[in-house]
């Protein structure tokens, strides 16, 4: 089985826009970054942790699923560049390199990797066709956020003179967000297979 046969599933965006041009790819990458920037503005500060609850992670994982691994990761790299140069695209209207070095930095740096991982699950296994596949792909993407996010949170707190244990870091950077992530995954599990059902009806 060759590489083309192994990676036989098209993500939604490439199915709707099958003709590959640099203009198409550029618009998809830009559009993905803007979607995440928009969802990142849904930001709710929590009194017991410096990390806010945002819609940003949902946007990242949807972009990865819709664009695929390559364009999804490029879109998230563009998103980081946009915020790094001063555009107010990060959660709550944040911007600048300082945000990337803050307690939120690990979660932001995880964006390209999480999008690429979900995109690969779509391209390799067709994970966006069924609800269970979406849930598994989103669980892997969320794990990427927590791995880098909690690690970054711990490093920043230690560097600022407030080192915390692993248990405390998880209480600050992961446990409070799991219910919200489950809701996001369930929403995606309805949205993505539903979009594929519309595609199938259109073909029929």
Protein backbone atom coordinates (compact mmCIF):
# COMPACT_ATOMS: atom_id res chain seq x y z
CA UNK A 1 0.00 0.00 0.00
CA UNK A 2 1.55 3.31 -1.06
CA UNK A 3 1.37 6.66 0.72
CA UNK A 4 -1.46 7.93 -1.48
CA UNK A 5 -3.60 4.91 -0.62
CA UNK A 6 -2.82 5.17 3.08
CA UNK A 7 -3.77 8.84 3.24
CA UNK A 8 -6.98 8.48 1.28
CA UNK A 9 -9.35 10.68 3.29
CA UNK A 10 -9.86 14.29 2.31
CA UNK A 11 -10.62 16.88 5.00
CA UNK A 12 -13.80 18.89 4.47
CA UNK A 13 -12.20 22.07 3.19
CA UNK A 14 -10.28 20.23 0.48
CA UNK A 15 -13.40 18.34 -0.56
CA UNK A 16 -15.37 21.54 -1.02
CA UNK A 17 -12.42 23.23 -2.75
CA UNK A 18 -10.71 20.35 -4.58
CA UNK A 19 -8.61 22.42 -6.97
CA UNK A 20 -5.32 23.04 -5.24
CA UNK A 21 -3.80 26.45 -5.83
CA UNK A 22 -1.61 28.63 -3.66
CA UNK A 23 -4.49 31.14 -3.42
CA UNK A 24 -6.85 28.45 -2.11
CA UNK A 25 -4.29 27.26 0.43
CA UNK A 26 -3.46 30.80 1.53
CA UNK A 27 -7.15 31.67 2.03
CA UNK A 28 -7.77 28.48 3.99
CA UNK A 29 -4.76 29.10 6.22
CA UNK A 30 -5.81 32.71 6.81
CA UNK A 31 -9.43 31.75 7.39
CA UNK A 32 -8.44 29.12 9.94
CA UNK A 33 -6.33 31.60 11.88
CA UNK A 34 -9.19 34.11 11.92
CA UNK A 35 -11.66 31.49 13.15
CA UNK A 36 -9.41 30.64 16.07
CA UNK A 37 -8.86 34.34 16.78
CA UNK A 38 -12.62 34.83 16.91
CA UNK A 39 -13.28 31.88 19.20
CA UNK A 40 -10.38 32.93 21.44
CA UNK A 41 -12.34 36.05 22.33
CA UNK A 42 -14.78 33.79 24.16
CA UNK A 43 -12.69 33.97 27.31
CA UNK A 44 -13.91 33.45 30.87
CA UNK A 45 -11.43 34.19 33.70
CA UNK A 46 -11.54 31.68 36.54
CA UNK A 47 -10.86 32.81 40.12
CA UNK A 48 -8.83 29.73 41.10
CA UNK A 49 -6.37 29.61 38.19
CA UNK A 50 -4.44 32.10 36.03
CA UNK A 51 -5.52 30.18 32.91
CA UNK A 52 -8.89 31.30 31.46
CA UNK A 53 -11.53 29.10 29.89
CA UNK A 54 -11.71 29.95 26.17
CA UNK A 55 -13.16 28.78 22.88
CA UNK A 56 -9.68 28.80 21.38
CA UNK A 57 -8.99 25.08 21.70
CA UNK A 58 -12.26 24.21 19.96
CA UNK A 59 -11.25 26.43 17.06
CA UNK A 60 -7.79 24.88 16.80
CA UNK A 61 -9.11 21.32 16.69
CA UNK A 62 -11.87 22.20 14.20
CA UNK A 63 -9.31 23.88 11.94
CA UNK A 64 -7.09 20.82 12.08
CA UNK A 65 -10.02 18.58 11.17
CA UNK A 66 -11.30 20.83 8.39
CA UNK A 67 -7.97 21.73 6.77
CA UNK A 68 -5.89 18.64 7.42
CA UNK A 69 -2.50 18.29 9.05
CA UNK A 70 -0.40 20.50 6.79
CA UNK A 71 -2.71 23.46 6.27
CA UNK A 72 -4.10 23.18 9.78
CA UNK A 73 -0.66 23.45 11.38
CA UNK A 74 0.32 26.28 9.02
CA UNK A 75 -2.86 28.11 9.94
CA UNK A 76 -2.01 27.85 13.62
CA UNK A 77 1.55 28.99 13.02
CA UNK A 78 0.09 32.03 11.28
CA UNK A 79 -2.18 32.57 14.27
CA UNK A 80 0.83 32.63 16.60
CA UNK A 81 2.65 35.05 14.29
CA UNK A 82 -0.40 37.32 14.18
CA UNK A 83 -0.53 37.46 17.95
CA UNK A 84 3.22 37.70 18.33
CA UNK A 85 3.47 40.81 16.14
CA UNK A 86 0.77 42.60 18.12
CA UNK A 87 -2.60 41.70 16.61
CA UNK A 88 -5.09 41.17 19.42
CA UNK A 89 -5.99 37.61 18.49
CA UNK A 90 -5.14 35.74 21.67
CA UNK A 91 -7.66 34.97 24.40
CA UNK A 92 -9.39 38.05 25.73
CA UNK A 93 -7.74 40.29 23.13
CA UNK A 94 -4.19 39.53 24.24
CA UNK A 95 -1.20 40.00 21.97
CA UNK A 96 2.56 40.21 21.90
CA UNK A 97 5.45 37.89 22.62
CA UNK A 98 4.84 38.33 26.33
CA UNK A 99 1.69 36.22 26.08
CA UNK A 100 3.71 33.39 24.52
CA UNK A 101 6.01 33.53 27.55
CA UNK A 102 3.19 33.71 30.09
CA UNK A 103 1.25 30.95 31.84
CA UNK A 104 -0.81 30.61 28.65
CA UNK A 105 2.25 30.17 26.45
CA UNK A 106 2.40 26.38 26.51
CA UNK A 107 -1.21 26.12 25.37
CA UNK A 108 -0.54 28.51 22.49
CA UNK A 109 2.63 26.74 21.40
CA UNK A 110 0.62 23.51 21.33
CA UNK A 111 -1.80 24.91 18.73
CA UNK A 112 0.11 23.87 15.57
CA UNK A 113 0.89 20.42 16.95
CA UNK A 114 -2.69 19.78 18.10
CA UNK A 115 -4.09 20.89 14.73
CA UNK A 116 -1.60 18.69 12.89
CA UNK A 117 -2.46 15.68 15.06
CA UNK A 118 -6.22 16.03 14.51
CA UNK A 119 -5.65 16.68 10.82
CA UNK A 120 -3.57 13.53 10.53
CA UNK A 121 -6.30 11.50 12.25
CA UNK A 122 -8.74 12.81 9.64
CA UNK A 123 -6.45 12.14 6.67
CA UNK A 124 -5.26 8.74 7.86
CA UNK A 125 -8.39 7.29 9.47
CA UNK A 126 -11.30 9.50 8.38
CA UNK A 127 -11.82 10.43 12.04
CA UNK A 128 -14.27 13.22 11.21
CA UNK A 129 -16.76 10.88 9.51
CA UNK A 130 -18.11 9.38 12.74
CA UNK A 131 -18.79 10.77 16.19
CA UNK A 132 -16.50 8.27 17.93
CA UNK A 133 -13.63 9.15 15.61
CA UNK A 134 -14.11 12.85 16.35
CA UNK A 135 -14.11 12.19 20.10
CA UNK A 136 -10.89 10.17 19.89
CA UNK A 137 -9.17 12.75 17.68
CA UNK A 138 -10.23 15.61 19.96
CA UNK A 139 -9.04 13.68 23.01
CA UNK A 140 -5.59 13.34 21.43
CA UNK A 141 -5.55 17.02 20.46
CA UNK A 142 -6.63 18.05 23.97
CA UNK A 143 -3.94 15.85 25.49
CA UNK A 144 -1.39 17.78 23.41
CA UNK A 145 -2.69 21.06 24.83
CA UNK A 146 -2.45 19.76 28.38
CA UNK A 147 0.97 18.21 27.95
CA UNK A 148 2.54 21.44 26.71
CA UNK A 149 0.20 23.79 28.54
CA UNK A 150 0.66 22.36 32.02
CA UNK A 151 4.41 22.02 31.43
CA UNK A 152 4.62 25.65 30.35
CA UNK A 153 2.51 26.77 33.29
CA UNK A 154 4.82 24.97 35.72
CA UNK A 155 7.94 26.44 34.13
CA UNK A 156 6.60 30.00 34.18
CA UNK A 157 5.50 29.74 37.80
CA UNK A 158 8.87 28.28 38.80
CA UNK A 159 10.72 31.02 36.93
CA UNK A 160 8.66 33.66 38.72
CA UNK A 161 9.57 32.21 42.10
CA UNK A 162 6.35 30.25 42.68
CA UNK A 163 7.18 26.60 41.94
CA UNK A 164 4.28 24.17 42.22
CA UNK A 165 3.96 20.40 42.40
CA UNK A 166 2.64 18.36 39.51
CA UNK A 167 -0.65 17.90 41.36
CA UNK A 168 -1.06 21.64 41.82
CA UNK A 169 -0.13 22.30 38.20
CA UNK A 170 -2.83 19.87 37.08
CA UNK A 171 -5.35 21.56 39.38
CA UNK A 172 -4.47 24.91 37.85
CA UNK A 173 -4.09 23.91 34.22
CA UNK A 174 -6.10 20.78 33.45
CA UNK A 175 -8.73 19.43 35.83
CA UNK A 176 -11.03 22.51 35.76
CA UNK A 177 -11.13 22.47 31.97
CA UNK A 178 -12.02 18.83 31.33
CA UNK A 179 -15.83 19.30 31.54
CA UNK A 180 -15.65 22.16 29.05
CA UNK A 181 -13.45 20.12 26.73
CA UNK A 182 -15.98 17.30 26.84
CA UNK A 183 -18.71 19.72 25.77
CA UNK A 184 -16.51 21.01 22.95
CA UNK A 185 -15.77 17.47 21.78
CA UNK A 186 -19.46 16.54 21.83
CA UNK A 187 -20.28 19.65 19.84
CA UNK A 188 -17.64 18.75 17.26
CA UNK A 189 -18.85 15.13 17.24
CA UNK A 190 -22.25 16.43 16.11
CA UNK A 191 -20.95 19.13 13.77
CA UNK A 192 -18.35 17.27 11.73
CA UNK A 193 -20.25 14.04 10.94
CA UNK A 194 -23.32 16.21 10.30
CA UNK A 195 -21.33 18.17 7.72
CA UNK A 196 -20.31 14.91 6.06
CA UNK A 197 -23.96 13.84 5.95
CA UNK A 198 -24.74 17.05 4.07
CA UNK A 199 -21.91 16.33 1.67
CA UNK A 200 -23.24 12.83 1.04
CA UNK A 201 -26.76 14.12 0.40
CA UNK A 202 -25.36 16.67 -2.02
CA UNK A 203 -23.55 13.90 -3.90
CA UNK A 204 -26.69 11.74 -4.00
